[in-house]
Amino acid sequence: GLEVFPNPSDGNFNIVYNINQLTNLSITITNLVGEKVFQNIYNDYIGEINLNIALKDIRSSVYFIMINDGDSAKTRKIVIK
């Protein structure tokens, strides 16, 4: 599964996701109106990904973290205080 913590956050949080097959992985974070505030693509990835995300100068609001591994897409909500 997809873990995001701490939540709520001050803009510094962790994303943990496990991939069982070699794939291209896309991580996108958007605000409530769909504007991208972060995006990264990992090519030919397999195993556990453990990222520390530090969004600087970000407004307090709700954001959506979307992970697409080619076979499935998962979304989690994060609150930035």
C-alpha atoms as a PDB file:
ATOM      1  CA  GLY A   1       0.000   0.000   0.000  1.00  0.00           C
ATOM      2  CA  LEU A   2       0.789   3.662   0.088  1.00  0.00           C
ATOM      3  CA  GLU A   3       1.712   5.346   3.368  1.00  0.00           C
ATOM      4  CA  VAL A   4       1.968   9.115   3.904  1.00  0.00           C
ATOM      5  CA  PHE A   5       3.083  10.481   7.271  1.00  0.00           C
ATOM      6  CA  PRO A   6       2.906  12.596   9.305  1.00  0.00           C
ATOM      7  CA  ASN A   7      -0.510  13.807   8.306  1.00  0.00           C
ATOM      8  CA  PRO A   8      -1.259  16.655   8.968  1.00  0.00           C
ATOM      9  CA  SER A   9       2.176  17.977   8.119  1.00  0.00           C
ATOM     10  CA  ASP A  10       4.122  21.219   8.058  1.00  0.00           C
ATOM     11  CA  GLY A  11       5.160  20.519   4.434  1.00  0.00           C
ATOM     12  CA  ASN A  12       7.803  17.950   5.342  1.00  0.00           C
ATOM     13  CA  PHE A  13       6.484  14.377   5.117  1.00  0.00           C
ATOM     14  CA  ASN A  14       7.330  10.832   4.013  1.00  0.00           C
ATOM     15  CA  ILE A  15       5.894   8.676   1.254  1.00  0.00           C
ATOM     16  CA  VAL A  16       6.388   4.899   1.436  1.00  0.00           C
ATOM     17  CA  TYR A  17       5.262   2.620  -1.408  1.00  0.00           C
ATOM     18  CA  ASN A  18       6.193  -0.934  -2.356  1.00  0.00           C
ATOM     19  CA  ILE A  19       6.420  -2.113  -5.969  1.00  0.00           C
ATOM     20  CA  ASN A  20       6.586  -5.863  -6.715  1.00  0.00           C
ATOM     21  CA  GLN A  21       7.550  -5.619 -10.383  1.00  0.00           C
ATOM     22  CA  LEU A  22       9.924  -3.559 -12.497  1.00  0.00           C
ATOM     23  CA  THR A  23       8.016  -0.474 -13.590  1.00  0.00           C
ATOM     24  CA  ASN A  24       8.066   3.262 -14.176  1.00  0.00           C
ATOM     25  CA  LEU A  25       6.660   5.078 -11.151  1.00  0.00           C
ATOM     26  CA  SER A  26       5.138   8.560 -11.193  1.00  0.00           C
ATOM     27  CA  ILE A  27       4.504  10.620  -8.056  1.00  0.00           C
ATOM     28  CA  THR A  28       2.453  13.792  -8.419  1.00  0.00           C
ATOM     29  CA  ILE A  29       1.189  16.168  -5.735  1.00  0.00           C
ATOM     30  CA  THR A  30      -1.595  18.605  -6.634  1.00  0.00           C
ATOM     31  CA  ASN A  31      -3.537  21.276  -4.836  1.00  0.00           C
ATOM     32  CA  LEU A  32      -7.340  21.380  -4.616  1.00  0.00           C
ATOM     33  CA  VAL A  33      -7.714  22.915  -8.092  1.00  0.00           C
ATOM     34  CA  GLY A  34      -5.422  20.338  -9.729  1.00  0.00           C
ATOM     35  CA  GLU A  35      -2.261  22.431 -10.078  1.00  0.00           C
ATOM     36  CA  LYS A  36       0.928  20.379  -9.741  1.00  0.00           C
ATOM     37  CA  VAL A  37       3.126  21.390  -6.822  1.00  0.00           C
ATOM     38  CA  PHE A  38       5.472  18.387  -7.131  1.00  0.00           C
ATOM     39  CA  GLN A  39       6.187  15.674  -9.681  1.00  0.00           C
ATOM     40  CA  ASN A  40       8.879  13.054 -10.038  1.00  0.00           C
ATOM     41  CA  ILE A  41       9.252   9.977 -12.237  1.00  0.00           C
ATOM     42  CA  TYR A  42      11.342   6.946 -11.344  1.00  0.00           C
ATOM     43  CA  ASN A  43      12.258   4.772 -14.350  1.00  0.00           C
ATOM     44  CA  ASP A  44      12.730   1.001 -14.103  1.00  0.00           C
ATOM     45  CA  TYR A  45      12.040   0.856 -10.372  1.00  0.00           C
ATOM     46  CA  ILE A  46      11.311  -2.164  -8.160  1.00  0.00           C
ATOM     47  CA  GLY A  47      11.121  -2.572  -4.372  1.00  0.00           C
ATOM     48  CA  GLU A  48      10.222  -0.148  -1.599  1.00  0.00           C
ATOM     49  CA  ILE A  49      10.428   3.551  -2.248  1.00  0.00           C
ATOM     50  CA  ASN A  50      10.801   5.722   0.837  1.00  0.00           C
ATOM     51  CA  LEU A  51      10.821   9.430   0.026  1.00  0.00           C
ATOM     52  CA  ASN A  52      11.089  12.454   2.244  1.00  0.00           C
ATOM     53  CA  ILE A  53       9.231  15.332   0.587  1.00  0.00           C
ATOM     54  CA  ALA A  54       9.936  18.900   1.705  1.00  0.00           C
ATOM     55  CA  LEU A  55       7.520  21.356   0.103  1.00  0.00           C
ATOM     56  CA  LYS A  56       8.876  24.803   0.882  1.00  0.00           C
ATOM     57  CA  ASP A  57       6.739  27.949   0.955  1.00  0.00           C
ATOM     58  CA  ILE A  58       3.554  25.959   0.460  1.00  0.00           C
ATOM     59  CA  ARG A  59       0.199  27.311   1.590  1.00  0.00           C
ATOM     60  CA  SER A  60      -1.784  25.623   4.321  1.00  0.00           C
ATOM     61  CA  SER A  61      -4.381  23.543   2.531  1.00  0.00           C
ATOM     62  CA  VAL A  62      -5.360  20.038   1.454  1.00  0.00           C
ATOM     63  CA  TYR A  63      -3.222  18.360  -1.231  1.00  0.00           C
ATOM     64  CA  PHE A  64      -3.502  15.079  -3.130  1.00  0.00           C
ATOM     65  CA  ILE A  65      -0.626  12.643  -3.581  1.00  0.00           C
ATOM     66  CA  MET A  66      -1.047  10.416  -6.637  1.00  0.00           C
ATOM     67  CA  ILE A  67       1.173   7.427  -7.373  1.00  0.00           C
ATOM     68  CA  ASN A  68       0.904   5.610 -10.690  1.00  0.00           C
ATOM     69  CA  ASP A  69       2.948   2.443 -11.203  1.00  0.00           C
ATOM     70  CA  GLY A  70       1.593   1.563 -14.649  1.00  0.00           C
ATOM     71  CA  ASP A  71      -0.813  -1.084 -13.351  1.00  0.00           C
ATOM     72  CA  SER A  72      -2.614   0.919 -10.702  1.00  0.00           C
ATOM     73  CA  ALA A  73      -3.001   4.425  -9.374  1.00  0.00           C
ATOM     74  CA  LYS A  74      -3.378   5.329  -5.733  1.00  0.00           C
ATOM     75  CA  THR A  75      -4.323   8.672  -4.198  1.00  0.00           C
ATOM     76  CA  ARG A  76      -3.928   9.940  -0.653  1.00  0.00           C
ATOM     77  CA  LYS A  77      -4.940  13.251   0.859  1.00  0.00           C
ATOM     78  CA  ILE A  78      -2.490  15.239   2.973  1.00  0.00           C
ATOM     79  CA  VAL A  79      -3.212  18.325   5.069  1.00  0.00           C
ATOM     80  CA  ILE A  80      -0.482  20.952   5.203  1.00  0.00           C
ATOM     81  CA  LYS A  81      -0.755  23.241   8.245  1.00  0.00           C
END
